[in-house]
Protein backbone atom coordinates (compact mmCIF):
# COMPACT_ATOMS: atom_id res chain seq x y z
CA UNK A 1 34.94 -4.78 -15.45
CA UNK A 2 36.51 -1.11 -13.32
CA UNK A 3 37.81 -1.89 -10.32
CA UNK A 4 36.68 0.17 -6.88
CA UNK A 5 39.74 2.48 -5.10
CA UNK A 6 41.45 1.64 -2.47
CA UNK A 7 40.42 3.67 0.44
CA UNK A 8 41.16 1.31 3.69
CA UNK A 9 39.91 4.26 6.09
CA UNK A 10 37.13 5.74 4.11
CA UNK A 11 34.36 3.39 5.61
CA UNK A 12 34.69 3.86 8.83
CA UNK A 13 31.76 4.53 10.41
CA UNK A 14 33.27 6.42 13.49
CA UNK A 15 34.88 9.26 11.32
CA UNK A 16 31.26 10.84 10.62
CA UNK A 17 30.09 12.58 13.65
CA UNK A 18 26.29 12.83 13.85
CA UNK A 19 23.70 15.57 15.53
CA UNK A 20 21.58 14.91 18.31
CA UNK A 21 18.05 14.37 16.38
CA UNK A 22 19.95 12.85 13.53
CA UNK A 23 18.04 9.60 13.02
CA UNK A 24 19.64 6.28 11.73
CA UNK A 25 19.60 5.99 8.35
CA UNK A 26 17.83 3.03 7.27
CA UNK A 27 17.37 3.05 3.58
CA UNK A 28 18.72 4.38 0.69
CA UNK A 29 16.97 4.69 -2.84
CA UNK A 30 19.69 5.29 -5.73
CA UNK A 31 18.60 5.84 -8.88
CA UNK A 32 21.67 4.44 -10.75
CA UNK A 33 20.02 5.37 -14.14
CA UNK A 34 16.78 6.78 -15.97
CA UNK A 35 17.28 4.68 -18.70
CA UNK A 36 14.39 1.78 -18.98
CA UNK A 37 12.81 -0.17 -21.35
CA UNK A 38 9.57 0.02 -20.39
CA UNK A 39 7.09 3.17 -19.73
CA UNK A 40 5.16 2.81 -16.81
CA UNK A 41 1.98 5.04 -16.77
CA UNK A 42 2.85 5.70 -13.08
CA UNK A 43 6.28 6.28 -13.41
CA UNK A 44 7.93 8.89 -10.91
CA UNK A 45 11.01 9.63 -13.02
CA UNK A 46 9.08 9.76 -16.60
CA UNK A 47 11.74 7.31 -17.39
CA UNK A 48 12.49 6.38 -21.38
CA UNK A 49 15.21 4.60 -23.35
CA UNK A 50 17.61 7.71 -22.74
CA UNK A 51 20.00 8.80 -23.07
CA UNK A 52 20.16 11.07 -20.42
CA UNK A 53 23.27 13.25 -19.18
CA UNK A 54 25.14 13.78 -15.88
CA UNK A 55 24.71 10.12 -14.55
CA UNK A 56 27.24 9.28 -11.90
CA UNK A 57 30.24 7.41 -13.60
CA UNK A 58 31.70 4.18 -12.25
CA UNK A 59 34.10 5.73 -10.13
CA UNK A 60 32.10 8.46 -8.77
CA UNK A 61 29.48 5.43 -7.79
CA UNK A 62 32.07 3.82 -5.95
CA UNK A 63 32.81 7.17 -3.64
CA UNK A 64 29.06 7.57 -3.47
CA UNK A 65 28.75 4.53 -1.59
CA UNK A 66 32.08 4.67 0.57
CA UNK A 67 29.98 7.96 1.68
CA UNK A 68 26.89 6.22 2.39
CA UNK A 69 29.13 3.54 4.86
CA UNK A 70 30.69 6.29 6.74
CA UNK A 71 26.83 7.43 7.84
CA UNK A 72 25.65 3.94 8.58
CA UNK A 73 25.16 0.29 6.77
CA UNK A 74 21.43 1.05 5.34
CA UNK A 75 19.85 -1.13 2.60
CA UNK A 76 20.77 0.52 -0.66
CA UNK A 77 18.00 0.21 -3.11
CA UNK A 78 19.92 -0.06 -7.03
CA UNK A 79 16.96 1.48 -8.79
CA UNK A 80 15.90 3.43 -11.94
CA UNK A 81 15.01 3.49 -14.80
CA UNK A 82 16.34 0.02 -15.06
CA UNK A 83 19.04 -0.59 -13.31
CA UNK A 84 20.70 -3.50 -15.44
CA UNK A 85 20.71 -1.24 -17.86
CA UNK A 86 24.16 -0.24 -16.49
CA UNK A 87 26.87 -2.02 -17.76
CA UNK A 88 28.62 -1.34 -14.17
CA UNK A 89 25.95 -2.14 -12.22
CA UNK A 90 27.39 -5.36 -10.94
CA UNK A 91 30.62 -4.01 -10.18
CA UNK A 92 28.05 -1.41 -7.88
CA UNK A 93 26.39 -3.85 -6.35
CA UNK A 94 29.94 -5.82 -5.54
CA UNK A 95 31.76 -3.05 -4.23
CA UNK A 96 28.32 -1.74 -2.06
CA UNK A 97 28.76 -5.51 -0.58
CA UNK A 98 32.32 -5.58 0.29
CA UNK A 99 31.64 -2.10 2.29
CA UNK A 100 28.91 -3.68 4.36
CA UNK A 101 25.81 -2.39 2.79
CA UNK A 102 22.82 -4.45 2.13
CA UNK A 103 22.21 -4.28 -1.38
CA UNK A 104 19.03 -4.93 -2.98
CA UNK A 105 17.83 -3.84 -6.48
CA UNK A 106 14.28 -3.16 -7.98
CA UNK A 107 14.50 -4.09 -11.75
CA UNK A 108 11.50 -4.77 -13.75
CA UNK A 109 12.31 -8.33 -14.17
CA UNK A 110 11.77 -8.44 -18.32
CA UNK A 111 16.20 -8.07 -18.79
CA UNK A 112 16.83 -10.98 -16.29
CA UNK A 113 18.06 -13.98 -17.86
CA UNK A 114 19.75 -17.06 -15.94
CA UNK A 115 22.82 -15.32 -16.63
CA UNK A 116 22.15 -11.99 -15.32
CA UNK A 117 20.51 -13.40 -12.19
CA UNK A 118 23.62 -15.39 -11.43
CA UNK A 119 25.61 -12.31 -11.89
CA UNK A 120 23.71 -10.65 -9.26
CA UNK A 121 23.56 -13.00 -6.61
CA UNK A 122 27.58 -13.23 -6.92
CA UNK A 123 27.44 -9.63 -6.70
CA UNK A 124 25.95 -9.88 -3.23
CA UNK A 125 22.02 -8.72 -4.30
CA UNK A 126 20.00 -9.73 -1.33
CA UNK A 127 16.77 -9.60 -2.59
CA UNK A 128 15.25 -7.66 -5.86
CA UNK A 129 11.70 -5.99 -6.18
CA UNK A 130 9.46 -7.49 -9.26
CA UNK A 131 6.23 -4.95 -9.79
CA UNK A 132 3.29 -6.74 -10.63
CA UNK A 133 0.77 -4.14 -10.89
CA UNK A 134 -1.81 -6.68 -12.43
CA UNK A 135 -2.58 -10.40 -12.02
CA UNK A 136 -2.75 -10.76 -15.23
CA UNK A 137 -0.83 -9.73 -18.95
CA UNK A 138 -3.67 -7.77 -19.82
CA UNK A 139 -3.92 -5.35 -16.51
CA UNK A 140 -0.27 -5.34 -16.11
CA UNK A 141 1.03 -4.56 -19.55
CA UNK A 142 -1.47 -1.58 -19.88
CA UNK A 143 -0.09 -0.16 -16.82
CA UNK A 144 3.48 -0.38 -17.88
CA UNK A 145 3.09 0.40 -21.56
CA UNK A 146 4.65 -2.51 -23.08
CA UNK A 147 3.26 -5.72 -24.76
CA UNK A 148 4.70 -8.78 -23.00
CA UNK A 149 6.25 -6.76 -19.62
CA UNK A 150 3.92 -9.24 -17.45
CA UNK A 151 5.14 -12.66 -19.14
CA UNK A 152 9.01 -10.79 -18.95
CA UNK A 153 8.78 -10.29 -15.11
CA UNK A 154 7.23 -13.90 -14.25
CA UNK A 155 10.39 -15.10 -16.54
CA UNK A 156 12.91 -13.05 -14.73
CA UNK A 157 11.37 -14.13 -11.37
CA UNK A 158 11.93 -17.88 -12.39
CA UNK A 159 15.44 -16.82 -13.24
CA UNK A 160 16.04 -14.76 -9.70
CA UNK A 161 14.25 -18.11 -8.10
CA UNK A 162 16.71 -20.23 -9.70
CA UNK A 163 19.84 -18.26 -8.88
CA UNK A 164 18.76 -18.44 -5.24
CA UNK A 165 17.87 -14.58 -4.76
CA UNK A 166 14.96 -13.59 -2.52
CA UNK A 167 12.28 -11.64 -4.79
CA UNK A 168 9.23 -9.42 -3.29
CA UNK A 169 6.44 -8.53 -5.41
CA UNK A 170 5.65 -4.58 -5.71
CA UNK A 171 2.27 -3.42 -6.15
CA UNK A 172 1.34 -0.09 -6.86
CA UNK A 173 -2.41 0.91 -6.08
CA UNK A 174 -4.90 2.98 -8.19
CA UNK A 175 -8.32 2.62 -9.30
CA UNK A 176 -7.55 0.80 -12.17
CA UNK A 177 -6.50 -2.56 -10.16
CA UNK A 178 -7.73 -1.85 -6.39
CA UNK A 179 -9.90 -4.80 -6.99
CA UNK A 180 -6.92 -7.02 -8.16
CA UNK A 181 -4.84 -6.53 -4.88
CA UNK A 182 -6.34 -9.89 -3.37
CA UNK A 183 -5.28 -11.50 -6.57
CA UNK A 184 -2.19 -10.31 -6.95
CA UNK A 185 -1.19 -11.04 -3.42
CA UNK A 186 -2.69 -14.42 -4.02
CA UNK A 187 -0.20 -14.67 -7.08
CA UNK A 188 2.86 -13.45 -5.08
CA UNK A 189 2.21 -16.42 -3.05
CA UNK A 190 2.21 -18.96 -5.95
CA UNK A 191 5.61 -17.33 -7.07
CA UNK A 192 7.29 -17.80 -4.01
CA UNK A 193 7.56 -14.27 -3.19
CA UNK A 194 8.94 -13.49 0.06
CA UNK A 195 7.04 -10.47 1.01
CA UNK A 196 4.41 -8.11 -0.95
CA UNK A 197 4.50 -4.43 -0.85
CA UNK A 198 1.75 -1.99 -1.85
CA UNK A 199 2.64 1.33 -3.19
CA UNK A 200 -0.48 3.94 -2.68
CA UNK A 201 0.13 6.22 -6.06
CA UNK A 202 1.93 9.55 -5.73
CA UNK A 203 0.84 11.66 -8.41
CA UNK A 204 4.35 13.31 -9.18
CA UNK A 205 6.49 12.02 -12.89
CA UNK A 206 3.79 10.45 -15.51
CA UNK A 207 1.74 9.57 -12.45
CA UNK A 208 0.58 13.25 -12.64
CA UNK A 209 -1.04 12.33 -15.86
CA UNK A 210 -3.30 9.59 -14.31
CA UNK A 211 -4.26 11.57 -10.81
CA UNK A 212 -7.81 10.84 -11.77
CA UNK A 213 -6.67 7.04 -11.12
CA UNK A 214 -5.42 7.89 -7.53
CA UNK A 215 -8.05 5.98 -4.84
CA UNK A 216 -9.67 8.37 -2.90
CA UNK A 217 -9.77 8.88 0.81
CA UNK A 218 -12.21 6.11 1.84
CA UNK A 219 -10.70 3.68 -0.81
CA UNK A 220 -7.13 4.48 0.77
CA UNK A 221 -8.86 3.86 4.49
CA UNK A 222 -10.64 0.24 2.80
CA UNK A 223 -7.41 -0.75 1.37
CA UNK A 224 -5.01 -0.57 4.28
CA UNK A 225 -7.72 -2.32 6.62
CA UNK A 226 -7.86 -4.97 3.95
CA UNK A 227 -3.90 -4.85 3.67
CA UNK A 228 -4.18 -5.40 7.70
CA UNK A 229 -6.73 -8.29 7.62
CA UNK A 230 -4.09 -10.11 5.46
CA UNK A 231 -1.35 -10.17 8.03
CA UNK A 232 -2.66 -13.67 9.72
CA UNK A 233 -3.79 -15.03 6.40
CA UNK A 234 -0.42 -15.15 4.42
CA UNK A 235 3.37 -16.04 4.99
CA UNK A 236 4.59 -13.35 3.48
CA UNK A 237 5.79 -10.11 4.65
CA UNK A 238 3.46 -7.11 4.11
CA UNK A 239 4.43 -3.79 3.73
CA UNK A 240 2.40 -0.66 3.01
CA UNK A 241 4.56 2.11 1.19
CA UNK A 242 3.78 5.78 0.75
CA UNK A 243 1.08 5.04 2.80
CA UNK A 244 1.98 5.98 6.68
CA UNK A 245 -1.61 5.74 7.63
CA UNK A 246 -1.37 2.22 7.75
CA UNK A 247 0.65 2.64 10.96
CA UNK A 248 -2.48 4.71 12.41
CA UNK A 249 -4.53 1.52 11.79
CA UNK A 250 -1.96 -1.28 12.82
CA UNK A 251 -2.49 0.40 15.99
CA UNK A 252 -5.92 1.33 16.00
CA UNK A 253 -7.07 -2.35 14.71
CA UNK A 254 -4.47 -4.02 17.62
CA UNK A 255 -6.12 -2.15 20.21
CA UNK A 256 -9.97 -2.86 19.19
CA UNK A 257 -8.72 -6.53 18.95
CA UNK A 258 -7.10 -6.78 22.24
CA UNK A 259 -3.55 -7.50 20.40
CA UNK A 260 0.08 -6.09 20.90
CA UNK A 261 1.22 -5.30 17.39
CA UNK A 262 5.17 -6.22 17.06
CA UNK A 263 7.06 -4.41 14.52
CA UNK A 264 9.84 -5.79 12.97
CA UNK A 265 12.13 -2.77 12.98
CA UNK A 266 15.15 -4.31 11.28
CA UNK A 267 16.19 -6.05 7.97
CA UNK A 268 14.33 -5.85 4.21
CA UNK A 269 10.49 -5.30 5.43
CA UNK A 270 11.17 -3.21 8.65
CA UNK A 271 7.80 -1.16 9.46
CA UNK A 272 9.23 1.61 11.86
CA UNK A 273 7.18 4.85 10.75
CA UNK A 274 4.60 6.07 8.35
CA UNK A 275 6.70 8.97 6.21
CA UNK A 276 10.35 7.99 6.12
CA UNK A 277 11.32 10.90 3.69
CA UNK A 278 14.37 12.86 5.27
CA UNK A 279 14.12 10.65 8.43
CA UNK A 280 14.96 7.26 7.92
CA UNK A 281 15.07 7.41 4.16
CA UNK A 282 16.73 9.42 1.17
CA UNK A 283 16.30 9.27 -2.64
CA UNK A 284 19.38 9.73 -4.50
CA UNK A 285 18.88 10.67 -8.31
CA UNK A 286 21.11 9.67 -11.49
CA UNK A 287 22.79 13.19 -11.12
CA UNK A 288 23.58 13.06 -7.52
CA UNK A 289 20.74 14.65 -6.18
CA UNK A 290 19.48 13.95 -2.85
CA UNK A 291 15.85 14.20 -2.21
CA UNK A 292 14.12 12.99 1.15
CA UNK A 293 12.46 10.77 -1.29
CA UNK A 294 12.00 9.95 -5.07
CA UNK A 295 8.22 11.52 -4.94
CA UNK A 296 9.14 14.62 -2.93
CA UNK A 297 10.84 16.76 -5.33
CA UNK A 298 13.03 18.79 -2.80
CA UNK A 299 16.77 19.45 -3.86
CA UNK A 300 18.68 18.80 -0.13
CA UNK A 301 22.08 18.26 -1.62
CA UNK A 302 24.57 17.49 -4.54
CA UNK A 303 26.71 14.30 -4.06
CA UNK A 304 28.98 15.35 -6.95
CA UNK A 305 29.67 18.71 -4.71
CA UNK A 306 29.54 17.65 -0.89
CA UNK A 307 29.75 14.87 0.87
CA UNK A 308 26.60 12.55 1.31
CA UNK A 309 26.57 12.41 5.18
CA UNK A 310 27.04 16.23 5.17
CA UNK A 311 23.48 16.62 3.58
CA UNK A 312 21.97 13.14 5.44
CA UNK A 313 23.25 15.51 8.94
CA UNK A 314 22.54 18.95 7.94
CA UNK A 315 20.10 19.37 4.62
CA UNK A 316 17.73 22.31 6.53
CA UNK A 317 14.90 20.25 4.60
CA UNK A 318 15.64 17.10 6.16
CA UNK A 319 15.84 18.80 9.90
CA UNK A 320 12.62 20.27 9.33
CA UNK A 321 11.12 16.50 8.06
CA UNK A 322 12.34 15.81 11.44
CA UNK A 323 10.76 18.14 13.58
CA UNK A 324 7.13 16.52 13.86
CA UNK A 325 6.07 19.55 15.55
CA UNK A 326 6.60 21.45 12.41
CA UNK A 327 3.50 19.65 10.60
CA UNK A 328 0.95 21.33 9.48
CA UNK A 329 -2.96 21.32 9.67
CA UNK A 330 -4.53 18.45 11.24
CA UNK A 331 -1.26 16.11 11.15
CA UNK A 332 0.71 18.82 13.48
CA UNK A 333 -2.12 18.07 16.19
CA UNK A 334 -2.93 14.13 15.33
CA UNK A 335 -1.82 12.06 18.11
CA UNK A 336 -0.51 9.49 15.48
CA UNK A 337 1.80 11.79 14.10
CA UNK A 338 5.13 10.59 15.27
CA UNK A 339 3.93 7.05 13.64
CA UNK A 340 2.43 8.24 10.51
CA UNK A 341 3.53 11.69 9.66
CA UNK A 342 1.41 12.38 6.59
CA UNK A 343 2.98 11.48 2.88
CA UNK A 344 4.97 14.42 2.80
CA UNK A 345 5.09 14.24 -1.13
CA UNK A 346 1.18 14.42 -1.39
CA UNK A 347 1.15 17.09 0.65
CA UNK A 348 3.58 18.78 -1.25
CA UNK A 349 2.10 18.04 -4.77
CA UNK A 350 -1.36 19.15 -3.32
CA UNK A 351 -0.27 22.45 -1.68
CA UNK A 352 3.10 23.26 -2.22
CA UNK A 353 4.09 22.94 1.32
CA UNK A 354 5.83 19.86 2.66
CA UNK A 355 4.85 20.01 5.93
CA UNK A 356 1.34 20.28 5.06
CA UNK A 357 -1.71 17.99 6.13
CA UNK A 358 -1.86 14.66 4.37
CA UNK A 359 -4.55 15.35 1.73
CA UNK A 360 -5.98 11.73 1.82
CA UNK A 361 -6.42 11.07 5.08
CA UNK A 362 -10.34 10.74 6.55
CA UNK A 363 -8.90 10.28 10.29
CA UNK A 364 -9.67 13.41 12.82
CA UNK A 365 -7.38 13.53 15.58
CA UNK A 366 -9.06 13.15 19.44
CA UNK A 367 -5.74 14.47 21.30
CA UNK A 368 -6.68 18.20 20.83
């Protein structure tokens, strides 16, 4: 076990000066490793079994967590690749927990044993997310690229439950599993999940090779409206990610129903704004490169060369993303631009301009 450094003053948030217009940091997804034991067809990182050079070592990982804690006390998602392939992942999780960070993890479930689940609980992991991209073994395993991935995920979930760790189900929506989303939601309920988060495919990494499986704008709209309809039919927390239109639909549907939508603005299922890239959220690669999100391949800084807090506050790209008046096309004139914003990664992949209009949106603005 590697021990963290003793820096008693390193985590005082009042040491970090902010600037006007810098939003609260709510979420950080940290790619702790790019190594992975699966070969998912949609993988943002095109992750394989590696090895990969330049991965932040244990002490560098501790320093990164300290620098994050200087800015805020966000939720830190330990992701990958497969984070459980890091031998020091429990030490990393524990240190983040001692700093007051809300530590969660995104394993694929296949490596979770009773012992590992117990160690995760002891290290302060508050929740894990397990991806189910099909409601049965055939469909999920095809998506994940490894036979047995579905049964492995279910075993991992059972071990997490026994260890008292909350879990949510994540699902990436494509044409191949669109008709299975209701079944996956039902399965999540049966398994005892606390939440179901759907992700709309962003064609990056290996996802570029299945761009033909990306749902179209009409299917996008129908799926999000169906998701809205499930809010009063399930006990699960529902959240749509990489689907900023959902924030428009929430308001449109509530108004049509004569209801007032209340939003959970804190916690692991917070619903705050559509695209959070560079605003309430950022991504850190296994080499320490800071990006607005994992799907938006913009190098905004390097934590091995400058403090994370400086990057978060001063990155030119982050400043641009925080200014909705710089949005282009119909996103720039849309009355929902402050709550939706359009997927910046999808715009970038489609046009090369991360401030361009969202390419998968049917809505026509009405305020100008």
